[in-house]
PDB file of N, CA and C in Angstrom:
ATOM      1  N   MET A   1      10.199  -9.867 -10.638  1.00  0.00           N
ATOM      2  CA  MET A   1      11.430  -9.678  -9.924  1.00  0.00           C
ATOM      3  C   MET A   1      12.322 -10.883 -10.165  1.00  0.00           C
ATOM      4  N   SER A   2      13.579 -10.645 -10.408  1.00  0.00           N
ATOM      5  CA  SER A   2      14.509 -11.756 -10.593  1.00  0.00           C
ATOM      6  C   SER A   2      14.792 -12.404  -9.249  1.00  0.00           C
ATOM      7  N   SER A   3      15.274 -13.637  -9.298  1.00  0.00           N
ATOM      8  CA  SER A   3      15.550 -14.344  -8.049  1.00  0.00           C
ATOM      9  C   SER A   3      16.689 -13.696  -7.273  1.00  0.00           C
ATOM     10  N   GLU A   4      17.513 -12.874  -7.929  1.00  0.00           N
ATOM     11  CA  GLU A   4      18.603 -12.181  -7.245  1.00  0.00           C
ATOM     12  C   GLU A   4      18.138 -10.897  -6.564  1.00  0.00           C
ATOM     13  N   THR A   5      17.019 -10.365  -6.996  1.00  0.00           N
ATOM     14  CA  THR A   5      16.490  -9.134  -6.414  1.00  0.00           C
ATOM     15  C   THR A   5      15.499  -9.491  -5.317  1.00  0.00           C
ATOM     16  N   LEU A   6      15.794  -9.102  -4.102  1.00  0.00           N
ATOM     17  CA  LEU A   6      14.901  -9.399  -2.985  1.00  0.00           C
ATOM     18  C   LEU A   6      14.007  -8.225  -2.621  1.00  0.00           C
ATOM     19  N   VAL A   7      14.515  -6.999  -2.819  1.00  0.00           N
ATOM     20  CA  VAL A   7      13.748  -5.793  -2.512  1.00  0.00           C
ATOM     21  C   VAL A   7      13.900  -4.816  -3.663  1.00  0.00           C
ATOM     22  N   ARG A   8      12.787  -4.275  -4.103  1.00  0.00           N
ATOM     23  CA  ARG A   8      12.808  -3.261  -5.155  1.00  0.00           C
ATOM     24  C   ARG A   8      12.106  -2.026  -4.612  1.00  0.00           C
ATOM     25  N   VAL A   9      12.750  -0.870  -4.736  1.00  0.00           N
ATOM     26  CA  VAL A   9      12.189   0.403  -4.281  1.00  0.00           C
ATOM     27  C   VAL A   9      11.987   1.284  -5.506  1.00  0.00           C
ATOM     28  N   LYS A  10      10.785   1.839  -5.632  1.00  0.00           N
ATOM     29  CA  LYS A  10      10.447   2.665  -6.796  1.00  0.00           C
ATOM     30  C   LYS A  10       9.872   3.999  -6.331  1.00  0.00           C
ATOM     31  N   ARG A  11      10.313   5.059  -6.960  1.00  0.00           N
ATOM     32  CA  ARG A  11       9.699   6.366  -6.689  1.00  0.00           C
ATOM     33  C   ARG A  11       8.397   6.409  -7.479  1.00  0.00           C
ATOM     34  N   VAL A  12       7.299   6.578  -6.786  1.00  0.00           N
ATOM     35  CA  VAL A  12       5.985   6.574  -7.414  1.00  0.00           C
ATOM     36  C   VAL A  12       5.571   7.992  -7.788  1.00  0.00           C
ATOM     37  N   SER A  13       5.735   8.911  -6.860  1.00  0.00           N
ATOM     38  CA  SER A  13       5.429  10.322  -7.089  1.00  0.00           C
ATOM     39  C   SER A  13       6.199  11.110  -6.046  1.00  0.00           C
ATOM     40  N   ASP A  14       6.065  12.419  -6.092  1.00  0.00           N
ATOM     41  CA  ASP A  14       6.753  13.246  -5.108  1.00  0.00           C
ATOM     42  C   ASP A  14       6.266  12.878  -3.713  1.00  0.00           C
ATOM     43  N   GLY A  15       7.152  12.350  -2.901  1.00  0.00           N
ATOM     44  CA  GLY A  15       6.797  11.997  -1.532  1.00  0.00           C
ATOM     45  C   GLY A  15       6.246  10.603  -1.330  1.00  0.00           C
ATOM     46  N   VAL A  16       6.088   9.813  -2.402  1.00  0.00           N
ATOM     47  CA  VAL A  16       5.567   8.448  -2.269  1.00  0.00           C
ATOM     48  C   VAL A  16       6.555   7.465  -2.882  1.00  0.00           C
ATOM     49  N   VAL A  17       6.885   6.440  -2.101  1.00  0.00           N
ATOM     50  CA  VAL A  17       7.812   5.399  -2.539  1.00  0.00           C
ATOM     51  C   VAL A  17       7.079   4.065  -2.518  1.00  0.00           C
ATOM     52  N   GLY A  18       7.311   3.251  -3.534  1.00  0.00           N
ATOM     53  CA  GLY A  18       6.758   1.903  -3.578  1.00  0.00           C
ATOM     54  C   GLY A  18       7.841   0.893  -3.262  1.00  0.00           C
ATOM     55  N   ILE A  19       7.491  -0.123  -2.495  1.00  0.00           N
ATOM     56  CA  ILE A  19       8.455  -1.150  -2.106  1.00  0.00           C
ATOM     57  C   ILE A  19       7.860  -2.519  -2.412  1.00  0.00           C
ATOM     58  N   GLU A  20       8.633  -3.351  -3.107  1.00  0.00           N
ATOM     59  CA  GLU A  20       8.246  -4.732  -3.382  1.00  0.00           C
ATOM     60  C   GLU A  20       9.281  -5.630  -2.719  1.00  0.00           C
ATOM     61  N   VAL A  21       8.826  -6.560  -1.890  1.00  0.00           N
ATOM     62  CA  VAL A  21       9.727  -7.472  -1.190  1.00  0.00           C
ATOM     63  C   VAL A  21       9.401  -8.896  -1.618  1.00  0.00           C
ATOM     64  N   GLU A  22      10.373  -9.569  -2.198  1.00  0.00           N
ATOM     65  CA  GLU A  22      10.196 -10.960  -2.581  1.00  0.00           C
ATOM     66  C   GLU A  22      10.276 -11.823  -1.330  1.00  0.00           C
ATOM     67  N   LEU A  23       9.303 -12.709  -1.164  1.00  0.00           N
ATOM     68  CA  LEU A  23       9.237 -13.581   0.004  1.00  0.00           C
ATOM     69  C   LEU A  23       9.316 -15.039  -0.439  1.00  0.00           C
ATOM     70  N   PRO A  24       9.868 -15.909   0.384  1.00  0.00           N
ATOM     71  CA  PRO A  24       9.959 -17.320   0.005  1.00  0.00           C
ATOM     72  C   PRO A  24       8.585 -17.993   0.008  1.00  0.00           C
ATOM     73  N   SER A  25       8.303 -18.740  -1.048  1.00  0.00           N
ATOM     74  CA  SER A  25       7.052 -19.515  -1.164  1.00  0.00           C
ATOM     75  C   SER A  25       5.814 -18.669  -0.915  1.00  0.00           C
ATOM     76  N   SER A  26       5.813 -17.437  -1.420  1.00  0.00           N
ATOM     77  CA  SER A  26       4.729 -16.502  -1.136  1.00  0.00           C
ATOM     78  C   SER A  26       4.669 -15.430  -2.215  1.00  0.00           C
ATOM     79  N   PRO A  27       3.491 -14.830  -2.399  1.00  0.00           N
ATOM     80  CA  PRO A  27       3.449 -13.631  -3.238  1.00  0.00           C
ATOM     81  C   PRO A  27       4.298 -12.544  -2.582  1.00  0.00           C
ATOM     82  N   PRO A  28       4.714 -11.540  -3.343  1.00  0.00           N
ATOM     83  CA  PRO A  28       5.530 -10.472  -2.756  1.00  0.00           C
ATOM     84  C   PRO A  28       4.726  -9.590  -1.801  1.00  0.00           C
ATOM     85  N   LEU A  29       5.449  -8.958  -0.897  1.00  0.00           N
ATOM     86  CA  LEU A  29       4.887  -7.939  -0.013  1.00  0.00           C
ATOM     87  C   LEU A  29       5.038  -6.615  -0.750  1.00  0.00           C
ATOM     88  N   VAL A  30       3.944  -5.881  -0.925  1.00  0.00           N
ATOM     89  CA  VAL A  30       3.982  -4.625  -1.677  1.00  0.00           C
ATOM     90  C   VAL A  30       3.390  -3.513  -0.819  1.00  0.00           C
ATOM     91  N   VAL A  31       4.125  -2.399  -0.714  1.00  0.00           N
ATOM     92  CA  VAL A  31       3.697  -1.269   0.118  1.00  0.00           C
ATOM     93  C   VAL A  31       4.010   0.039  -0.601  1.00  0.00           C
ATOM     94  N   LEU A  32       3.085   0.987  -0.553  1.00  0.00           N
ATOM     95  CA  LEU A  32       3.338   2.364  -0.986  1.00  0.00           C
ATOM     96  C   LEU A  32       3.389   3.203   0.282  1.00  0.00           C
ATOM     97  N   VAL A  33       4.465   3.947   0.461  1.00  0.00           N
ATOM     98  CA  VAL A  33       4.663   4.727   1.684  1.00  0.00           C
ATOM     99  C   VAL A  33       4.735   6.213   1.348  1.00  0.00           C
ATOM    100  N   GLY A  34       3.890   6.988   1.994  1.00  0.00           N
ATOM    101  CA  GLY A  34       3.921   8.434   1.842  1.00  0.00           C
ATOM    102  C   GLY A  34       4.365   9.087   3.135  1.00  0.00           C
ATOM    103  N   LYS A  35       4.248  10.401   3.197  1.00  0.00           N
ATOM    104  CA  LYS A  35       4.667  11.140   4.391  1.00  0.00           C
ATOM    105  C   LYS A  35       3.653  11.044   5.526  1.00  0.00           C
ATOM    106  N   ARG A  36       2.382  10.754   5.196  1.00  0.00           N
ATOM    107  CA  ARG A  36       1.325  10.723   6.216  1.00  0.00           C
ATOM    108  C   ARG A  36       0.643   9.369   6.377  1.00  0.00           C
ATOM    109  N   ALA A  37       0.729   8.519   5.357  1.00  0.00           N
ATOM    110  CA  ALA A  37       0.004   7.244   5.396  1.00  0.00           C
ATOM    111  C   ALA A  37       0.660   6.258   4.442  1.00  0.00           C
ATOM    112  N   PHE A  38       0.169   5.013   4.483  1.00  0.00           N
ATOM    113  CA  PHE A  38       0.663   4.018   3.535  1.00  0.00           C
ATOM    114  C   PHE A  38      -0.470   3.113   3.072  1.00  0.00           C
ATOM    115  N   VAL A  39      -0.231   2.463   1.930  1.00  0.00           N
ATOM    116  CA  VAL A  39      -1.151   1.473   1.373  1.00  0.00           C
ATOM    117  C   VAL A  39      -0.361   0.189   1.221  1.00  0.00           C
ATOM    118  N   ALA A  40      -0.939  -0.917   1.681  1.00  0.00           N
ATOM    119  CA  ALA A  40      -0.232  -2.192   1.623  1.00  0.00           C
ATOM    120  C   ALA A  40      -1.109  -3.268   0.991  1.00  0.00           C
ATOM    121  N   CYS A  41      -0.452  -4.351   0.632  1.00  0.00           N
ATOM    122  CA  CYS A  41      -1.136  -5.499   0.053  1.00  0.00           C
ATOM    123  C   CYS A  41      -1.914  -6.249   1.135  1.00  0.00           C
ATOM    124  N   GLY A  42      -2.438  -7.392   0.778  1.00  0.00           N
ATOM    125  CA  GLY A  42      -3.277  -8.174   1.672  1.00  0.00           C
ATOM    126  C   GLY A  42      -2.616  -8.666   2.942  1.00  0.00           C
ATOM    127  N   PHE A  43      -1.300  -8.562   3.049  1.00  0.00           N
ATOM    128  CA  PHE A  43      -0.624  -8.961   4.282  1.00  0.00           C
ATOM    129  C   PHE A  43      -0.942  -8.022   5.449  1.00  0.00           C
ATOM    130  N   LEU A  44      -1.433  -6.833   5.160  1.00  0.00           N
ATOM    131  CA  LEU A  44      -1.718  -5.849   6.209  1.00  0.00           C
ATOM    132  C   LEU A  44      -2.901  -6.285   7.071  1.00  0.00           C
ATOM    133  N   ASN A  45      -2.722  -6.282   8.362  1.00  0.00           N
ATOM    134  CA  ASN A  45      -3.796  -6.556   9.316  1.00  0.00           C
ATOM    135  C   ASN A  45      -4.465  -5.217   9.640  1.00  0.00           C
ATOM    136  N   ILE A  46      -5.529  -4.925   8.929  1.00  0.00           N
ATOM    137  CA  ILE A  46      -6.172  -3.618   9.042  1.00  0.00           C
ATOM    138  C   ILE A  46      -6.798  -3.419  10.428  1.00  0.00           C
ATOM    139  N   GLU A  47      -7.261  -4.500  11.051  1.00  0.00           N
ATOM    140  CA  GLU A  47      -7.851  -4.383  12.385  1.00  0.00           C
ATOM    141  C   GLU A  47      -6.798  -3.950  13.407  1.00  0.00           C
ATOM    142  N   LEU A  48      -5.616  -4.526  13.329  1.00  0.00           N
ATOM    143  CA  LEU A  48      -4.537  -4.133  14.237  1.00  0.00           C
ATOM    144  C   LEU A  48      -4.097  -2.698  13.960  1.00  0.00           C
ATOM    145  N   ALA A  49      -3.991  -2.344  12.681  1.00  0.00           N
ATOM    146  CA  ALA A  49      -3.616  -0.971  12.324  1.00  0.00           C
ATOM    147  C   ALA A  49      -4.623   0.024  12.891  1.00  0.00           C
ATOM    148  N   GLU A  50      -5.901  -0.333  12.855  1.00  0.00           N
ATOM    149  CA  GLU A  50      -6.945   0.531  13.426  1.00  0.00           C
ATOM    150  C   GLU A  50      -6.737   0.691  14.930  1.00  0.00           C
ATOM    151  N   LYS A  51      -6.479  -0.408  15.626  1.00  0.00           N
ATOM    152  CA  LYS A  51      -6.256  -0.347  17.079  1.00  0.00           C
ATOM    153  C   LYS A  51      -5.054   0.518  17.434  1.00  0.00           C
ATOM    154  N   LEU A  52      -4.038   0.493  16.569  1.00  0.00           N
ATOM    155  CA  LEU A  52      -2.821   1.265  16.812  1.00  0.00           C
ATOM    156  C   LEU A  52      -2.933   2.716  16.354  1.00  0.00           C
ATOM    157  N   GLY A  53      -4.035   3.056  15.676  1.00  0.00           N
ATOM    158  CA  GLY A  53      -4.225   4.422  15.201  1.00  0.00           C
ATOM    159  C   GLY A  53      -3.363   4.784  14.007  1.00  0.00           C
ATOM    160  N   VAL A  54      -3.074   3.790  13.171  1.00  0.00           N
ATOM    161  CA  VAL A  54      -2.197   3.991  12.013  1.00  0.00           C
ATOM    162  C   VAL A  54      -3.022   4.403  10.792  1.00  0.00           C
ATOM    163  N   PRO A  55      -2.632   5.469  10.091  1.00  0.00           N
ATOM    164  CA  PRO A  55      -3.324   5.846   8.860  1.00  0.00           C
ATOM    165  C   PRO A  55      -2.826   4.993   7.692  1.00  0.00           C
ATOM    166  N   CYS A  56      -3.630   3.991   7.315  1.00  0.00           N
ATOM    167  CA  CYS A  56      -3.220   3.108   6.223  1.00  0.00           C
ATOM    168  C   CYS A  56      -4.438   2.501   5.549  1.00  0.00           C
ATOM    169  N   ALA A  57      -4.179   1.912   4.389  1.00  0.00           N
ATOM    170  CA  ALA A  57      -5.235   1.267   3.616  1.00  0.00           C
ATOM    171  C   ALA A  57      -4.709  -0.043   3.052  1.00  0.00           C
ATOM    172  N   ARG A  58      -5.645  -0.898   2.628  1.00  0.00           N
ATOM    173  CA  ARG A  58      -5.306  -2.239   2.159  1.00  0.00           C
ATOM    174  C   ARG A  58      -5.921  -2.486   0.791  1.00  0.00           C
ATOM    175  N   VAL A  59      -5.141  -3.146  -0.062  1.00  0.00           N
ATOM    176  CA  VAL A  59      -5.617  -3.652  -1.344  1.00  0.00           C
ATOM    177  C   VAL A  59      -5.202  -5.120  -1.421  1.00  0.00           C
ATOM    178  N   THR A  60      -5.880  -5.900  -2.260  1.00  0.00           N
ATOM    179  CA  THR A  60      -5.504  -7.303  -2.411  1.00  0.00           C
ATOM    180  C   THR A  60      -5.355  -7.648  -3.884  1.00  0.00           C
ATOM    181  N   GLY A  61      -4.732  -8.803  -4.121  1.00  0.00           N
ATOM    182  CA  GLY A  61      -4.569  -9.271  -5.492  1.00  0.00           C
ATOM    183  C   GLY A  61      -3.503  -8.524  -6.262  1.00  0.00           C
ATOM    184  N   VAL A  62      -2.460  -8.098  -5.574  1.00  0.00           N
ATOM    185  CA  VAL A  62      -1.397  -7.331  -6.229  1.00  0.00           C
ATOM    186  C   VAL A  62      -0.062  -8.056  -6.121  1.00  0.00           C
ATOM    187  N   ARG A  63       0.787  -7.824  -7.121  1.00  0.00           N
ATOM    188  CA  ARG A  63       2.125  -8.412  -7.127  1.00  0.00           C
ATOM    189  C   ARG A  63       3.205  -7.367  -7.377  1.00  0.00           C
ATOM    190  N   SER A  64       2.766  -6.111  -7.609  1.00  0.00           N
ATOM    191  CA  SER A  64       3.734  -5.059  -7.916  1.00  0.00           C
ATOM    192  C   SER A  64       3.179  -3.701  -7.498  1.00  0.00           C
ATOM    193  N   VAL A  65       4.064  -2.719  -7.462  1.00  0.00           N
ATOM    194  CA  VAL A  65       3.663  -1.340  -7.175  1.00  0.00           C
ATOM    195  C   VAL A  65       2.648  -0.876  -8.213  1.00  0.00           C
ATOM    196  N   GLU A  66       2.891  -1.223  -9.468  1.00  0.00           N
ATOM    197  CA  GLU A  66       1.981  -0.818 -10.544  1.00  0.00           C
ATOM    198  C   GLU A  66       0.585  -1.400 -10.337  1.00  0.00           C
ATOM    199  N   ASP A  67       0.513  -2.649  -9.860  1.00  0.00           N
ATOM    200  CA  ASP A  67      -0.786  -3.260  -9.558  1.00  0.00           C
ATOM    201  C   ASP A  67      -1.512  -2.480  -8.467  1.00  0.00           C
ATOM    202  N   VAL A  68      -0.797  -2.084  -7.428  1.00  0.00           N
ATOM    203  CA  VAL A  68      -1.404  -1.339  -6.315  1.00  0.00           C
ATOM    204  C   VAL A  68      -2.025  -0.045  -6.829  1.00  0.00           C
ATOM    205  N   LEU A  69      -1.320   0.655  -7.693  1.00  0.00           N
ATOM    206  CA  LEU A  69      -1.808   1.937  -8.207  1.00  0.00           C
ATOM    207  C   LEU A  69      -3.150   1.807  -8.919  1.00  0.00           C
ATOM    208  N   GLU A  70      -3.401   0.663  -9.552  1.00  0.00           N
ATOM    209  CA  GLU A  70      -4.629   0.471 -10.328  1.00  0.00           C
ATOM    210  C   GLU A  70      -5.773  -0.133  -9.520  1.00  0.00           C
ATOM    211  N   LYS A  71      -5.493  -0.573  -8.310  1.00  0.00           N
ATOM    212  CA  LYS A  71      -6.533  -1.180  -7.468  1.00  0.00           C
ATOM    213  C   LYS A  71      -7.311  -0.124  -6.694  1.00  0.00           C
ATOM    214  N   GLU A  72      -8.540  -0.479  -6.340  1.00  0.00           N
ATOM    215  CA  GLU A  72      -9.331   0.368  -5.455  1.00  0.00           C
ATOM    216  C   GLU A  72      -9.021  -0.005  -4.010  1.00  0.00           C
ATOM    217  N   VAL A  73      -9.019   0.983  -3.143  1.00  0.00           N
ATOM    218  CA  VAL A  73      -8.840   0.741  -1.715  1.00  0.00           C
ATOM    219  C   VAL A  73      -9.985  -0.162  -1.255  1.00  0.00           C
ATOM    220  N   GLN A  74      -9.644  -1.268  -0.616  1.00  0.00           N
ATOM    221  CA  GLN A  74     -10.666  -2.196  -0.116  1.00  0.00           C
ATOM    222  C   GLN A  74     -11.009  -1.929   1.339  1.00  0.00           C
ATOM    223  N   GLN A  75     -10.001  -1.572   2.118  1.00  0.00           N
ATOM    224  CA  GLN A  75     -10.210  -1.256   3.530  1.00  0.00           C
ATOM    225  C   GLN A  75      -9.303  -0.090   3.894  1.00  0.00           C
ATOM    226  N   ALA A  76      -9.780   0.745   4.797  1.00  0.00           N
ATOM    227  CA  ALA A  76      -8.971   1.872   5.277  1.00  0.00           C
ATOM    228  C   ALA A  76      -9.255   2.075   6.757  1.00  0.00           C
ATOM    229  N   THR A  77      -8.251   2.503   7.477  1.00  0.00           N
ATOM    230  CA  THR A  77      -8.456   2.812   8.896  1.00  0.00           C
ATOM    231  C   THR A  77      -9.156   4.165   9.015  1.00  0.00           C
ATOM    232  N   SER A  78      -9.686   4.437  10.187  1.00  0.00           N
ATOM    233  CA  SER A  78     -10.363   5.723  10.396  1.00  0.00           C
ATOM    234  C   SER A  78      -9.388   6.886  10.223  1.00  0.00           C
ATOM    235  N   LYS A  79      -8.138   6.701  10.614  1.00  0.00           N
ATOM    236  CA  LYS A  79      -7.126   7.757  10.433  1.00  0.00           C
ATOM    237  C   LYS A  79      -6.869   8.005   8.949  1.00  0.00           C
ATOM    238  N   ALA A  80      -6.885   6.963   8.134  1.00  0.00           N
ATOM    239  CA  ALA A  80      -6.710   7.130   6.689  1.00  0.00           C
ATOM    240  C   ALA A  80      -7.920   7.848   6.093  1.00  0.00           C
ATOM    241  N   ARG A  81      -9.107   7.481   6.554  1.00  0.00           N
ATOM    242  CA  ARG A  81     -10.322   8.135   6.052  1.00  0.00           C
ATOM    243  C   ARG A  81     -10.310   9.626   6.364  1.00  0.00           C
ATOM    244  N   GLU A  82      -9.768   9.992   7.525  1.00  0.00           N
ATOM    245  CA  GLU A  82      -9.657  11.412   7.878  1.00  0.00           C
ATOM    246  C   GLU A  82      -8.792  12.167   6.872  1.00  0.00           C
ATOM    247  N   LEU A  83      -7.851  11.467   6.241  1.00  0.00           N
ATOM    248  CA  LEU A  83      -6.983  12.082   5.228  1.00  0.00           C
ATOM    249  C   LEU A  83      -7.615  12.058   3.837  1.00  0.00           C
ATOM    250  N   GLY A  84      -8.777  11.398   3.701  1.00  0.00           N
ATOM    251  CA  GLY A  84      -9.437  11.296   2.402  1.00  0.00           C
ATOM    252  C   GLY A  84      -9.110  10.029   1.644  1.00  0.00           C
ATOM    253  N   ILE A  85      -8.485   9.069   2.317  1.00  0.00           N
ATOM    254  CA  ILE A  85      -8.176   7.776   1.704  1.00  0.00           C
ATOM    255  C   ILE A  85      -9.325   6.851   2.072  1.00  0.00           C
ATOM    256  N   VAL A  86     -10.234   6.628   1.122  1.00  0.00           N
ATOM    257  CA  VAL A  86     -11.469   5.909   1.416  1.00  0.00           C
ATOM    258  C   VAL A  86     -11.648   4.697   0.506  1.00  0.00           C
ATOM    259  N   GLU A  87     -12.459   3.772   0.963  1.00  0.00           N
ATOM    260  CA  GLU A  87     -12.761   2.576   0.209  1.00  0.00           C
ATOM    261  C   GLU A  87     -13.416   2.927  -1.122  1.00  0.00           C
ATOM    262  N   GLY A  88     -13.070   2.137  -2.162  1.00  0.00           N
ATOM    263  CA  GLY A  88     -13.691   2.301  -3.468  1.00  0.00           C
ATOM    264  C   GLY A  88     -12.982   3.262  -4.400  1.00  0.00           C
ATOM    265  N   VAL A  89     -11.973   3.964  -3.919  1.00  0.00           N
ATOM    266  CA  VAL A  89     -11.233   4.920  -4.747  1.00  0.00           C
ATOM    267  C   VAL A  89      -9.916   4.281  -5.173  1.00  0.00           C
ATOM    268  N   LYS A  90      -9.531   4.479  -6.437  1.00  0.00           N
ATOM    269  CA  LYS A  90      -8.258   3.933  -6.906  1.00  0.00           C
ATOM    270  C   LYS A  90      -7.096   4.562  -6.147  1.00  0.00           C
ATOM    271  N   VAL A  91      -6.126   3.737  -5.831  1.00  0.00           N
ATOM    272  CA  VAL A  91      -4.958   4.208  -5.093  1.00  0.00           C
ATOM    273  C   VAL A  91      -4.278   5.350  -5.833  1.00  0.00           C
ATOM    274  N   ARG A  92      -4.191   5.262  -7.149  1.00  0.00           N
ATOM    275  CA  ARG A  92      -3.567   6.322  -7.949  1.00  0.00           C
ATOM    276  C   ARG A  92      -4.194   7.686  -7.649  1.00  0.00           C
ATOM    277  N   GLU A  93      -5.486   7.688  -7.347  1.00  0.00           N
ATOM    278  CA  GLU A  93      -6.211   8.940  -7.107  1.00  0.00           C
ATOM    279  C   GLU A  93      -5.963   9.528  -5.716  1.00  0.00           C
ATOM    280  N   VAL A  94      -5.395   8.747  -4.797  1.00  0.00           N
ATOM    281  CA  VAL A  94      -5.164   9.257  -3.440  1.00  0.00           C
ATOM    282  C   VAL A  94      -3.679   9.415  -3.115  1.00  0.00           C
ATOM    283  N   LEU A  95      -2.819   9.340  -4.107  1.00  0.00           N
ATOM    284  CA  LEU A  95      -1.376   9.454  -3.862  1.00  0.00           C
ATOM    285  C   LEU A  95      -1.022  10.731  -3.116  1.00  0.00           C
ATOM    286  N   GLY A  96      -1.656  11.828  -3.463  1.00  0.00           N
ATOM    287  CA  GLY A  96      -1.367  13.104  -2.817  1.00  0.00           C
ATOM    288  C   GLY A  96      -1.797  13.166  -1.361  1.00  0.00           C
ATOM    289  N   LYS A  97      -2.569  12.179  -0.917  1.00  0.00           N
ATOM    290  CA  LYS A  97      -3.052  12.157   0.466  1.00  0.00           C
ATOM    291  C   LYS A  97      -2.212  11.253   1.355  1.00  0.00           C
ATOM    292  N   LEU A  98      -1.310  10.501   0.740  1.00  0.00           N
ATOM    293  CA  LEU A  98      -0.460   9.585   1.517  1.00  0.00           C
ATOM    294  C   LEU A  98       0.622  10.342   2.256  1.00  0.00           C
TER     295      LEU A  98
END
């Protein structure tokens, strides 16, 4: 991302949007948002999301939407698991469940 671009939004698939947010002195915040759930980078507090009943999953070591797509889900809330978004599966493979 250029220093002039602070937020980049990308259409990933039908119904899924990827968002990259440049942060000061930090890796970017990266999130894929679907109609039913989302996948976020390591900034996501999965324990809090679980308490709130949010269907979401977490991946780490990513700097872009493309990186997220190639990573395996590391953690998922119980609501995400109910949708079929489970640990160990590549994010690209669960896009239709988001």
